[in-house]
Amino acid sequence: MTKKPVTLWFHFFDVLLNIVIIVAVVAGIRTFLVSPFQVEGNSMTDTLENRQYIIINKLVYFLHAPERGDIVVFRPPNTDHSKYYVKRIIGLPGDEIVIRDGDVYVRSNGTGKELTLAEPYLNERNRDHTFYGAAGSGEEKRFAVPEGYYFLLGDNRLGSLDSRSFRNAQNEPTPFVPQGDIKGRVWFVALPLGKAHAMEAPAYGF
């Protein structure tokens, strides 16, 4: 019994099938598992720097909800909803976040006690310099985080557009980010290689 000769069309469709499989696998990985992202701007200095490449873990938020201290990539709740931002989660659903005299306080969900948020990742310039409104004003501002939403700040508190400044088309404050707009947690810095490292979650103690 003789084998039928392999035709050129067979090779063509075999290569095409392999390309489709590879594209599907890559698309699935980028959609549900991990994805690269380039940092734009200095809003997360010194934790992340402008033009660094980071890897985002998308799978983690299919397994559990975002946590305080996570650095995340998300779509901001402002007029420019097409862009992605990278900031740190400060307030969880049900929390009350208080900005007062340059510091951040948290009344955690389910407790009545207001606690100072220790933030060792802030550099000397930004430590004790978290303000709402004009920098240095000391104005107190409270944010009650709704269920299903999060309050985010950049680590460069004196140079970050974040939950303190997000506004909609009617110029109304929109400080909270819905969980569905959070695309993933920053897993590690990939480039430049000399600064590559994994991101560690801070221990707030509560």
N, C-alpha and C. Protein backbone atom coordinates (compact mmCIF):
# COMPACT_ATOMS: atom_id res chain seq x y z
N MET A 1 0.85 -1.19 0.00
CA MET A 1 0.00 0.00 0.00
C MET A 1 0.89 1.25 0.00
N THR A 2 0.71 2.07 -1.00
CA THR A 2 1.55 3.26 -1.12
C THR A 2 0.90 4.46 -0.46
N LYS A 3 1.74 5.33 0.16
CA LYS A 3 1.25 6.55 0.81
C LYS A 3 0.99 7.61 -0.25
N LYS A 4 -0.07 8.40 0.01
CA LYS A 4 -0.35 9.50 -0.88
C LYS A 4 0.70 10.59 -0.71
N PRO A 5 1.15 11.19 -1.78
CA PRO A 5 2.16 12.25 -1.65
C PRO A 5 1.58 13.47 -0.91
N VAL A 6 2.42 14.07 -0.06
CA VAL A 6 2.00 15.26 0.69
C VAL A 6 2.03 16.46 -0.24
N THR A 7 0.92 17.13 -0.34
CA THR A 7 0.81 18.24 -1.27
C THR A 7 1.27 19.55 -0.63
N LEU A 8 1.47 20.53 -1.50
CA LEU A 8 1.85 21.86 -1.04
C LEU A 8 0.74 22.48 -0.19
N TRP A 9 -0.52 22.20 -0.56
CA TRP A 9 -1.65 22.72 0.21
C TRP A 9 -1.66 22.17 1.63
N PHE A 10 -1.27 20.91 1.78
CA PHE A 10 -1.21 20.32 3.12
C PHE A 10 -0.22 21.08 3.99
N HIS A 11 0.98 21.35 3.43
CA HIS A 11 1.99 22.10 4.18
C HIS A 11 1.49 23.50 4.52
N PHE A 12 0.81 24.12 3.56
CA PHE A 12 0.30 25.48 3.77
C PHE A 12 -0.69 25.51 4.94
N PHE A 13 -1.66 24.58 4.92
CA PHE A 13 -2.67 24.56 5.98
C PHE A 13 -2.07 24.12 7.31
N ASP A 14 -1.04 23.29 7.29
CA ASP A 14 -0.37 22.88 8.52
C ASP A 14 0.32 24.08 9.17
N VAL A 15 1.02 24.87 8.36
CA VAL A 15 1.69 26.08 8.88
C VAL A 15 0.65 27.08 9.38
N LEU A 16 -0.44 27.25 8.60
CA LEU A 16 -1.49 28.18 8.99
C LEU A 16 -2.13 27.78 10.32
N LEU A 17 -2.38 26.47 10.50
CA LEU A 17 -2.96 25.98 11.74
C LEU A 17 -2.04 26.26 12.92
N ASN A 18 -0.75 26.05 12.75
CA ASN A 18 0.21 26.31 13.83
C ASN A 18 0.27 27.79 14.18
N ILE A 19 0.18 28.64 13.17
CA ILE A 19 0.18 30.08 13.43
C ILE A 19 -1.06 30.48 14.23
N VAL A 20 -2.22 29.96 13.84
CA VAL A 20 -3.47 30.26 14.55
C VAL A 20 -3.38 29.80 15.99
N ILE A 21 -2.84 28.60 16.23
CA ILE A 21 -2.71 28.08 17.59
C ILE A 21 -1.79 28.96 18.42
N ILE A 22 -0.66 29.36 17.85
CA ILE A 22 0.31 30.20 18.58
C ILE A 22 -0.31 31.55 18.92
N VAL A 23 -1.00 32.16 17.94
CA VAL A 23 -1.65 33.46 18.18
C VAL A 23 -2.71 33.33 19.28
N ALA A 24 -3.48 32.25 19.24
CA ALA A 24 -4.53 32.03 20.24
C ALA A 24 -3.92 31.86 21.64
N VAL A 25 -2.83 31.11 21.72
CA VAL A 25 -2.17 30.89 23.01
C VAL A 25 -1.62 32.21 23.56
N VAL A 26 -0.94 32.99 22.70
CA VAL A 26 -0.38 34.28 23.14
C VAL A 26 -1.49 35.23 23.57
N ALA A 27 -2.58 35.28 22.77
CA ALA A 27 -3.70 36.15 23.12
C ALA A 27 -4.33 35.73 24.45
N GLY A 28 -4.44 34.43 24.66
CA GLY A 28 -5.00 33.94 25.93
C GLY A 28 -4.13 34.30 27.11
N ILE A 29 -2.81 34.16 26.93
CA ILE A 29 -1.88 34.52 28.00
C ILE A 29 -1.98 36.00 28.32
N ARG A 30 -2.00 36.85 27.29
CA ARG A 30 -2.06 38.30 27.50
C ARG A 30 -3.39 38.74 28.08
N THR A 31 -4.46 38.01 27.75
CA THR A 31 -5.79 38.39 28.24
C THR A 31 -6.02 37.94 29.67
N PHE A 32 -5.60 36.72 30.01
CA PHE A 32 -6.00 36.13 31.28
C PHE A 32 -4.84 35.90 32.27
N LEU A 33 -3.59 35.91 31.80
CA LEU A 33 -2.49 35.55 32.69
C LEU A 33 -1.56 36.73 32.96
N VAL A 34 -0.72 37.07 32.01
CA VAL A 34 0.26 38.15 32.22
C VAL A 34 0.32 39.02 30.98
N SER A 35 0.81 40.26 31.17
CA SER A 35 0.91 41.19 30.05
C SER A 35 1.99 42.22 30.36
N PRO A 36 2.75 42.64 29.34
CA PRO A 36 3.75 43.70 29.55
C PRO A 36 3.09 45.08 29.54
N PHE A 37 3.75 46.04 30.18
CA PHE A 37 3.21 47.40 30.24
C PHE A 37 4.40 48.34 30.45
N GLN A 38 4.39 49.48 29.77
CA GLN A 38 5.44 50.47 29.96
C GLN A 38 4.93 51.63 30.81
N VAL A 39 5.69 51.96 31.85
CA VAL A 39 5.34 53.06 32.74
C VAL A 39 5.54 54.38 32.00
N GLU A 40 4.55 55.27 32.10
CA GLU A 40 4.66 56.61 31.53
C GLU A 40 4.56 57.64 32.65
N GLY A 41 5.57 58.45 32.79
CA GLY A 41 5.55 59.50 33.80
C GLY A 41 6.21 59.09 35.10
N ASN A 42 6.17 60.01 36.06
CA ASN A 42 6.88 59.84 37.33
C ASN A 42 5.95 59.76 38.53
N SER A 43 4.69 59.38 38.33
CA SER A 43 3.73 59.40 39.43
C SER A 43 3.99 58.32 40.47
N MET A 44 4.84 57.31 40.13
CA MET A 44 5.13 56.24 41.09
C MET A 44 6.58 56.26 41.57
N THR A 45 7.29 57.36 41.32
CA THR A 45 8.66 57.50 41.81
C THR A 45 8.69 57.39 43.34
N ASP A 46 9.59 56.69 43.98
CA ASP A 46 10.74 55.97 43.46
C ASP A 46 10.45 54.49 43.17
N THR A 47 9.24 54.05 43.41
CA THR A 47 8.92 52.63 43.26
C THR A 47 9.03 52.19 41.81
N LEU A 48 8.46 52.97 40.91
CA LEU A 48 8.57 52.72 39.47
C LEU A 48 9.03 54.00 38.79
N GLU A 49 9.81 53.83 37.72
CA GLU A 49 10.36 54.98 37.03
C GLU A 49 9.81 55.08 35.61
N ASN A 50 9.84 56.28 35.08
CA ASN A 50 9.37 56.54 33.73
C ASN A 50 10.06 55.63 32.71
N ARG A 51 9.25 55.01 31.82
CA ARG A 51 9.69 54.18 30.70
C ARG A 51 10.20 52.80 31.11
N GLN A 52 10.07 52.45 32.37
CA GLN A 52 10.36 51.07 32.76
C GLN A 52 9.31 50.13 32.20
N TYR A 53 9.73 48.90 31.88
CA TYR A 53 8.79 47.87 31.45
C TYR A 53 8.47 46.97 32.64
N ILE A 54 7.18 46.77 32.86
CA ILE A 54 6.73 45.94 33.96
C ILE A 54 5.87 44.81 33.43
N ILE A 55 5.75 43.75 34.21
CA ILE A 55 4.90 42.62 33.87
C ILE A 55 3.71 42.61 34.82
N ILE A 56 2.51 42.52 34.27
CA ILE A 56 1.28 42.56 35.05
C ILE A 56 0.72 41.16 35.19
N ASN A 57 0.38 40.79 36.41
CA ASN A 57 -0.28 39.52 36.69
C ASN A 57 -1.79 39.75 36.64
N LYS A 58 -2.44 39.24 35.59
CA LYS A 58 -3.88 39.40 35.44
C LYS A 58 -4.67 38.27 36.12
N LEU A 59 -4.05 37.12 36.25
CA LEU A 59 -4.74 35.96 36.81
C LEU A 59 -5.11 36.16 38.27
N VAL A 60 -4.27 36.89 39.00
CA VAL A 60 -4.43 36.99 40.45
C VAL A 60 -5.80 37.53 40.85
N TYR A 61 -6.37 38.45 40.07
CA TYR A 61 -7.66 39.02 40.45
C TYR A 61 -8.85 38.20 39.97
N PHE A 62 -8.57 37.12 39.25
CA PHE A 62 -9.61 36.12 39.01
C PHE A 62 -9.73 35.18 40.22
N LEU A 63 -8.64 35.15 41.03
CA LEU A 63 -8.59 34.24 42.18
C LEU A 63 -9.03 34.92 43.47
N HIS A 64 -8.69 36.20 43.63
CA HIS A 64 -9.12 36.94 44.82
C HIS A 64 -9.15 38.43 44.52
N ALA A 65 -9.78 39.19 45.40
CA ALA A 65 -9.95 40.63 45.20
C ALA A 65 -8.63 41.36 45.40
N PRO A 66 -8.48 42.55 44.81
CA PRO A 66 -7.29 43.37 45.05
C PRO A 66 -7.12 43.67 46.54
N GLU A 67 -5.87 43.85 46.95
CA GLU A 67 -5.54 44.08 48.35
C GLU A 67 -4.85 45.42 48.53
N ARG A 68 -4.94 45.92 49.76
CA ARG A 68 -4.28 47.19 50.07
C ARG A 68 -2.77 47.07 49.86
N GLY A 69 -2.21 48.05 49.19
CA GLY A 69 -0.78 48.04 48.92
C GLY A 69 -0.41 47.51 47.55
N ASP A 70 -1.34 46.82 46.88
CA ASP A 70 -1.07 46.33 45.52
C ASP A 70 -0.82 47.51 44.59
N ILE A 71 0.19 47.38 43.74
CA ILE A 71 0.39 48.33 42.65
C ILE A 71 -0.31 47.75 41.43
N VAL A 72 -1.22 48.52 40.84
CA VAL A 72 -2.09 47.96 39.80
C VAL A 72 -2.11 48.85 38.56
N VAL A 73 -2.44 48.22 37.44
CA VAL A 73 -2.71 48.94 36.19
C VAL A 73 -4.22 48.96 36.01
N PHE A 74 -4.78 50.14 35.69
CA PHE A 74 -6.23 50.30 35.65
C PHE A 74 -6.62 51.42 34.69
N ARG A 75 -7.90 51.44 34.35
CA ARG A 75 -8.46 52.57 33.60
C ARG A 75 -9.02 53.58 34.60
N PRO A 76 -8.60 54.84 34.52
CA PRO A 76 -9.05 55.84 35.50
C PRO A 76 -10.49 56.26 35.25
N PRO A 77 -11.22 56.63 36.32
CA PRO A 77 -12.62 57.04 36.20
C PRO A 77 -12.76 58.52 35.86
N ASN A 78 -11.98 58.98 34.88
CA ASN A 78 -12.07 60.39 34.50
C ASN A 78 -12.46 60.50 33.03
N THR A 79 -12.32 61.67 32.46
CA THR A 79 -12.77 61.90 31.09
C THR A 79 -11.96 61.11 30.08
N ASP A 80 -10.69 60.84 30.37
CA ASP A 80 -9.84 60.07 29.46
C ASP A 80 -9.81 58.62 29.90
N HIS A 81 -10.87 57.90 29.60
CA HIS A 81 -11.01 56.52 30.07
C HIS A 81 -10.29 55.53 29.16
N SER A 82 -9.66 56.02 28.11
CA SER A 82 -8.99 55.11 27.17
C SER A 82 -7.58 54.74 27.61
N LYS A 83 -6.98 55.55 28.45
CA LYS A 83 -5.60 55.32 28.87
C LYS A 83 -5.56 54.38 30.07
N TYR A 84 -4.36 53.83 30.30
CA TYR A 84 -4.11 53.02 31.49
C TYR A 84 -3.20 53.81 32.43
N TYR A 85 -3.49 53.73 33.73
CA TYR A 85 -2.65 54.33 34.76
C TYR A 85 -2.07 53.21 35.62
N VAL A 86 -1.00 53.54 36.33
CA VAL A 86 -0.45 52.62 37.33
C VAL A 86 -0.33 53.37 38.66
N LYS A 87 -0.99 52.86 39.70
CA LYS A 87 -1.00 53.48 41.03
C LYS A 87 -1.04 52.38 42.09
N ARG A 88 -1.09 52.80 43.34
CA ARG A 88 -1.14 51.86 44.47
C ARG A 88 -2.53 51.90 45.13
N ILE A 89 -3.07 50.73 45.44
CA ILE A 89 -4.35 50.66 46.14
C ILE A 89 -4.15 51.04 47.61
N ILE A 90 -4.92 52.05 48.04
CA ILE A 90 -4.85 52.52 49.42
C ILE A 90 -6.13 52.19 50.18
N GLY A 91 -7.28 52.39 49.53
CA GLY A 91 -8.56 52.15 50.18
C GLY A 91 -9.31 50.99 49.57
N LEU A 92 -9.84 50.11 50.41
CA LEU A 92 -10.62 48.95 49.98
C LEU A 92 -12.11 49.24 50.13
N PRO A 93 -12.97 48.44 49.51
CA PRO A 93 -14.41 48.64 49.65
C PRO A 93 -14.83 48.68 51.13
N GLY A 94 -15.59 49.70 51.50
CA GLY A 94 -16.05 49.84 52.88
C GLY A 94 -15.14 50.67 53.77
N ASP A 95 -13.92 50.96 53.31
CA ASP A 95 -12.99 51.79 54.09
C ASP A 95 -13.41 53.25 54.07
N GLU A 96 -12.94 53.98 55.07
CA GLU A 96 -12.94 55.44 54.99
C GLU A 96 -11.48 55.89 55.00
N ILE A 97 -11.08 56.62 53.97
CA ILE A 97 -9.72 57.14 53.86
C ILE A 97 -9.73 58.60 54.24
N VAL A 98 -8.82 58.98 55.12
CA VAL A 98 -8.73 60.35 55.59
C VAL A 98 -7.36 60.91 55.24
N ILE A 99 -7.35 62.05 54.56
CA ILE A 99 -6.10 62.77 54.28
C ILE A 99 -6.08 64.00 55.17
N ARG A 100 -5.06 64.09 56.02
CA ARG A 100 -5.02 65.17 57.00
C ARG A 100 -3.58 65.49 57.37
N ASP A 101 -3.22 66.76 57.27
CA ASP A 101 -1.89 67.24 57.69
C ASP A 101 -0.75 66.44 57.03
N GLY A 102 -0.95 66.05 55.78
CA GLY A 102 0.12 65.40 55.04
C GLY A 102 0.19 63.89 55.19
N ASP A 103 -0.68 63.32 56.02
CA ASP A 103 -0.66 61.88 56.24
C ASP A 103 -1.97 61.24 55.78
N VAL A 104 -1.93 59.92 55.66
CA VAL A 104 -3.11 59.15 55.26
C VAL A 104 -3.54 58.28 56.44
N TYR A 105 -4.83 58.30 56.73
CA TYR A 105 -5.40 57.49 57.80
C TYR A 105 -6.48 56.59 57.21
N VAL A 106 -6.63 55.41 57.81
CA VAL A 106 -7.60 54.44 57.32
C VAL A 106 -8.52 54.01 58.45
N ARG A 107 -9.82 54.12 58.21
CA ARG A 107 -10.80 53.50 59.08
C ARG A 107 -11.24 52.25 58.33
N SER A 108 -10.63 51.12 58.70
CA SER A 108 -10.80 49.90 57.92
C SER A 108 -12.23 49.38 57.98
N ASN A 109 -12.65 48.72 56.92
CA ASN A 109 -14.00 48.16 56.82
C ASN A 109 -14.30 47.26 58.01
N GLY A 110 -15.39 47.55 58.71
CA GLY A 110 -15.80 46.73 59.84
C GLY A 110 -15.21 47.15 61.17
N THR A 111 -14.38 48.20 61.21
CA THR A 111 -13.82 48.68 62.48
C THR A 111 -14.08 50.17 62.62
N GLY A 112 -14.09 50.64 63.84
CA GLY A 112 -14.32 52.05 64.08
C GLY A 112 -13.06 52.82 64.37
N LYS A 113 -11.92 52.14 64.34
CA LYS A 113 -10.66 52.76 64.74
C LYS A 113 -9.95 53.36 63.54
N GLU A 114 -9.53 54.60 63.67
CA GLU A 114 -8.78 55.28 62.61
C GLU A 114 -7.29 55.07 62.84
N LEU A 115 -6.62 54.48 61.84
CA LEU A 115 -5.21 54.13 61.97
C LEU A 115 -4.36 54.89 60.95
N THR A 116 -3.17 55.31 61.38
CA THR A 116 -2.24 55.94 60.46
C THR A 116 -1.68 54.89 59.51
N LEU A 117 -1.66 55.20 58.22
CA LEU A 117 -1.12 54.28 57.23
C LEU A 117 0.38 54.49 57.13
N ALA A 118 1.15 53.54 57.63
CA ALA A 118 2.61 53.61 57.51
C ALA A 118 2.99 53.26 56.07
N GLU A 119 3.76 54.14 55.42
CA GLU A 119 4.08 53.96 54.00
C GLU A 119 5.58 54.05 53.76
N PRO A 120 6.30 52.96 54.02
CA PRO A 120 7.77 52.98 53.89
C PRO A 120 8.26 53.16 52.46
N TYR A 121 7.40 52.95 51.48
CA TYR A 121 7.80 53.06 50.07
C TYR A 121 7.87 54.51 49.60
N LEU A 122 7.36 55.47 50.39
CA LEU A 122 7.45 56.87 50.00
C LEU A 122 8.86 57.40 50.25
N ASN A 123 9.38 58.17 49.28
CA ASN A 123 10.71 58.73 49.47
C ASN A 123 10.64 59.95 50.40
N GLU A 124 11.79 60.51 50.71
CA GLU A 124 11.86 61.59 51.70
C GLU A 124 11.04 62.80 51.26
N ARG A 125 11.02 63.07 49.97
CA ARG A 125 10.28 64.23 49.45
C ARG A 125 8.78 64.07 49.65
N ASN A 126 8.29 62.85 49.54
CA ASN A 126 6.85 62.62 49.59
C ASN A 126 6.33 62.17 50.96
N ARG A 127 7.22 61.71 51.82
CA ARG A 127 6.79 61.24 53.13
C ARG A 127 6.18 62.40 53.92
N ASP A 128 5.01 62.19 54.49
CA ASP A 128 4.27 63.21 55.24
C ASP A 128 3.85 64.38 54.35
N HIS A 129 3.74 64.13 53.04
CA HIS A 129 3.34 65.19 52.11
C HIS A 129 2.20 64.72 51.19
N THR A 130 1.24 64.02 51.76
CA THR A 130 0.03 63.65 51.01
C THR A 130 -1.04 64.69 51.31
N PHE A 131 -1.41 65.47 50.31
CA PHE A 131 -2.36 66.55 50.52
C PHE A 131 -3.52 66.44 49.54
N TYR A 132 -4.63 67.04 49.93
CA TYR A 132 -5.76 67.20 49.03
C TYR A 132 -5.91 68.69 48.75
N GLY A 133 -5.99 69.04 47.48
CA GLY A 133 -6.02 70.46 47.13
C GLY A 133 -4.61 71.01 47.07
N ALA A 134 -4.45 72.25 47.42
CA ALA A 134 -3.14 72.89 47.35
C ALA A 134 -2.16 72.20 48.29
N ALA A 135 -0.99 71.85 47.75
CA ALA A 135 0.03 71.16 48.55
C ALA A 135 0.41 72.01 49.76
N GLY A 136 0.42 71.36 50.91
CA GLY A 136 0.80 72.04 52.14
C GLY A 136 -0.35 72.71 52.85
N SER A 137 -1.57 72.61 52.27
CA SER A 137 -2.71 73.31 52.89
C SER A 137 -3.16 72.64 54.19
N GLY A 138 -2.91 71.32 54.31
CA GLY A 138 -3.33 70.62 55.51
C GLY A 138 -4.83 70.38 55.58
N GLU A 139 -5.54 70.70 54.49
CA GLU A 139 -6.99 70.50 54.46
C GLU A 139 -7.34 69.04 54.68
N GLU A 140 -8.31 68.78 55.56
CA GLU A 140 -8.76 67.41 55.78
C GLU A 140 -9.80 67.02 54.74
N LYS A 141 -9.65 65.81 54.21
CA LYS A 141 -10.61 65.29 53.24
C LYS A 141 -10.86 63.83 53.55
N ARG A 142 -12.15 63.44 53.54
CA ARG A 142 -12.53 62.05 53.83
C ARG A 142 -13.17 61.43 52.60
N PHE A 143 -12.82 60.17 52.37
CA PHE A 143 -13.35 59.42 51.24
C PHE A 143 -13.94 58.11 51.75
N ALA A 144 -15.24 57.93 51.61
CA ALA A 144 -15.90 56.67 51.99
C ALA A 144 -15.96 55.79 50.74
N VAL A 145 -15.19 54.72 50.73
CA VAL A 145 -15.05 53.89 49.54
C VAL A 145 -16.27 52.98 49.41
N PRO A 146 -17.02 53.06 48.29
CA PRO A 146 -18.21 52.21 48.13
C PRO A 146 -17.83 50.75 47.89
N GLU A 147 -18.79 49.87 48.06
CA GLU A 147 -18.57 48.45 47.75
C GLU A 147 -18.27 48.28 46.27
N GLY A 148 -17.29 47.46 45.98
CA GLY A 148 -16.92 47.21 44.60
C GLY A 148 -15.96 48.23 44.00
N TYR A 149 -15.51 49.19 44.83
CA TYR A 149 -14.63 50.25 44.34
C TYR A 149 -13.36 50.32 45.20
N TYR A 150 -12.34 51.06 44.66
CA TYR A 150 -11.05 51.18 45.33
C TYR A 150 -10.56 52.62 45.23
N PHE A 151 -9.74 53.00 46.21
CA PHE A 151 -9.13 54.33 46.27
C PHE A 151 -7.63 54.16 46.03
N LEU A 152 -7.08 54.89 45.04
CA LEU A 152 -5.70 54.68 44.64
C LEU A 152 -4.90 55.98 44.69
N LEU A 153 -3.64 55.85 45.08
CA LEU A 153 -2.72 56.99 45.10
C LEU A 153 -1.41 56.59 44.43
N GLY A 154 -0.74 57.58 43.81
CA GLY A 154 0.61 57.37 43.32
C GLY A 154 1.61 57.54 44.44
N ASP A 155 2.76 56.89 44.34
CA ASP A 155 3.78 57.01 45.39
C ASP A 155 4.47 58.38 45.35
N ASN A 156 4.42 59.05 44.21
CA ASN A 156 4.93 60.42 44.13
C ASN A 156 3.77 61.36 44.46
N ARG A 157 3.50 61.53 45.74
CA ARG A 157 2.29 62.21 46.20
C ARG A 157 2.21 63.68 45.75
N LEU A 158 3.36 64.30 45.51
CA LEU A 158 3.38 65.69 45.09
C LEU A 158 3.30 65.83 43.58
N GLY A 159 3.24 64.71 42.86
CA GLY A 159 3.21 64.77 41.40
C GLY A 159 2.42 63.63 40.79
N SER A 160 1.25 63.35 41.31
CA SER A 160 0.45 62.23 40.83
C SER A 160 -1.00 62.63 40.64
N LEU A 161 -1.54 62.28 39.47
CA LEU A 161 -2.97 62.40 39.23
C LEU A 161 -3.60 61.08 39.64
N ASP A 162 -4.40 61.10 40.70
CA ASP A 162 -4.93 59.85 41.25
C ASP A 162 -6.32 60.09 41.84
N SER A 163 -6.71 59.29 42.82
CA SER A 163 -8.07 59.40 43.35
C SER A 163 -8.37 60.76 43.97
N ARG A 164 -7.37 61.53 44.25
CA ARG A 164 -7.58 62.88 44.77
C ARG A 164 -8.04 63.85 43.68
N SER A 165 -7.75 63.50 42.41
CA SER A 165 -7.97 64.48 41.34
C SER A 165 -8.80 63.98 40.15
N PHE A 166 -9.22 62.71 40.15
CA PHE A 166 -10.03 62.21 39.04
C PHE A 166 -11.37 62.97 38.97
N ARG A 167 -11.76 63.35 37.75
CA ARG A 167 -13.02 64.06 37.54
C ARG A 167 -13.68 63.59 36.25
N ASN A 168 -15.02 63.65 36.23
CA ASN A 168 -15.74 63.23 35.04
C ASN A 168 -15.94 64.41 34.09
N ALA A 169 -16.73 64.18 33.03
CA ALA A 169 -16.94 65.21 32.01
C ALA A 169 -17.64 66.44 32.56
N GLN A 170 -18.38 66.30 33.65
CA GLN A 170 -19.07 67.43 34.29
C GLN A 170 -18.19 68.10 35.35
N ASN A 171 -16.92 67.71 35.38
CA ASN A 171 -15.94 68.24 36.34
C ASN A 171 -16.30 67.92 37.78
N GLU A 172 -17.01 66.81 37.98
CA GLU A 172 -17.36 66.35 39.32
C GLU A 172 -16.30 65.34 39.79
N PRO A 173 -15.93 65.36 41.06
CA PRO A 173 -14.94 64.40 41.56
C PRO A 173 -15.42 62.96 41.38
N THR A 174 -14.54 62.10 40.86
CA THR A 174 -14.84 60.67 40.72
C THR A 174 -13.65 59.89 41.29
N PRO A 175 -13.50 59.87 42.59
CA PRO A 175 -12.27 59.34 43.19
C PRO A 175 -12.12 57.83 43.17
N PHE A 176 -13.19 57.09 42.94
CA PHE A 176 -13.13 55.64 43.16
C PHE A 176 -13.08 54.86 41.84
N VAL A 177 -12.28 53.80 41.84
CA VAL A 177 -12.08 52.97 40.66
C VAL A 177 -12.83 51.66 40.84
N PRO A 178 -13.73 51.32 39.92
CA PRO A 178 -14.45 50.04 40.05
C PRO A 178 -13.50 48.86 39.82
N GLN A 179 -13.77 47.75 40.50
CA GLN A 179 -12.88 46.60 40.39
C GLN A 179 -12.75 46.12 38.95
N GLY A 180 -13.81 46.24 38.16
CA GLY A 180 -13.76 45.79 36.78
C GLY A 180 -12.79 46.56 35.91
N ASP A 181 -12.39 47.77 36.34
CA ASP A 181 -11.44 48.58 35.57
C ASP A 181 -9.99 48.35 36.01
N ILE A 182 -9.79 47.52 37.03
CA ILE A 182 -8.43 47.15 37.44
C ILE A 182 -8.01 45.94 36.64
N LYS A 183 -6.97 46.09 35.82
CA LYS A 183 -6.60 45.06 34.86
C LYS A 183 -5.60 44.05 35.39
N GLY A 184 -4.85 44.40 36.41
CA GLY A 184 -3.90 43.44 36.95
C GLY A 184 -2.94 44.07 37.94
N ARG A 185 -2.25 43.23 38.68
CA ARG A 185 -1.26 43.67 39.68
C ARG A 185 0.13 43.65 39.07
N VAL A 186 0.92 44.67 39.38
CA VAL A 186 2.30 44.70 38.89
C VAL A 186 3.07 43.60 39.59
N TRP A 187 3.62 42.68 38.79
CA TRP A 187 4.31 41.50 39.30
C TRP A 187 5.79 41.76 39.49
N PHE A 188 6.45 42.27 38.43
CA PHE A 188 7.86 42.62 38.56
C PHE A 188 8.28 43.60 37.48
N VAL A 189 9.39 44.28 37.75
CA VAL A 189 10.02 45.17 36.76
C VAL A 189 10.89 44.31 35.87
N ALA A 190 10.67 44.39 34.55
CA ALA A 190 11.40 43.55 33.61
C ALA A 190 12.59 44.26 32.97
N LEU A 191 12.41 45.53 32.62
CA LEU A 191 13.46 46.31 31.96
C LEU A 191 13.48 47.71 32.55
N PRO A 192 14.68 48.31 32.64
CA PRO A 192 15.99 47.77 32.24
C PRO A 192 16.44 46.63 33.15
N LEU A 193 17.27 45.76 32.59
CA LEU A 193 17.69 44.57 33.32
C LEU A 193 18.42 44.91 34.62
N GLY A 194 19.12 46.03 34.62
CA GLY A 194 19.86 46.41 35.81
C GLY A 194 18.97 46.76 36.99
N LYS A 195 17.68 47.02 36.72
CA LYS A 195 16.75 47.35 37.80
C LYS A 195 15.62 46.34 37.90
N ALA A 196 15.79 45.18 37.25
CA ALA A 196 14.74 44.15 37.29
C ALA A 196 14.61 43.59 38.70
N HIS A 197 13.38 43.49 39.17
CA HIS A 197 13.12 42.92 40.49
C HIS A 197 11.62 42.64 40.63
N ALA A 198 11.30 41.75 41.55
CA ALA A 198 9.89 41.45 41.85
C ALA A 198 9.35 42.50 42.80
N MET A 199 8.05 42.76 42.71
CA MET A 199 7.41 43.73 43.60
C MET A 199 6.94 43.01 44.87
N GLU A 200 7.24 43.60 46.00
CA GLU A 200 6.85 43.03 47.28
C GLU A 200 5.71 43.83 47.89
N ALA A 201 4.74 43.14 48.44
CA ALA A 201 3.61 43.82 49.08
C ALA A 201 4.03 44.40 50.43
N PRO A 202 3.63 45.63 50.73
CA PRO A 202 3.98 46.22 52.03
C PRO A 202 3.17 45.59 53.15
N ALA A 203 3.73 45.61 54.35
CA ALA A 203 3.02 45.08 55.54
C ALA A 203 2.53 46.28 56.34
N TYR A 204 1.22 46.52 56.33
CA TYR A 204 0.66 47.67 57.02
C TYR A 204 0.35 47.38 58.49
N GLY A 205 0.22 46.12 58.83
CA GLY A 205 -0.02 45.77 60.23
C GLY A 205 -1.48 45.78 60.63
N PHE A 206 -2.40 45.91 59.68
CA PHE A 206 -3.83 45.83 60.01
C PHE A 206 -4.61 45.37 58.78
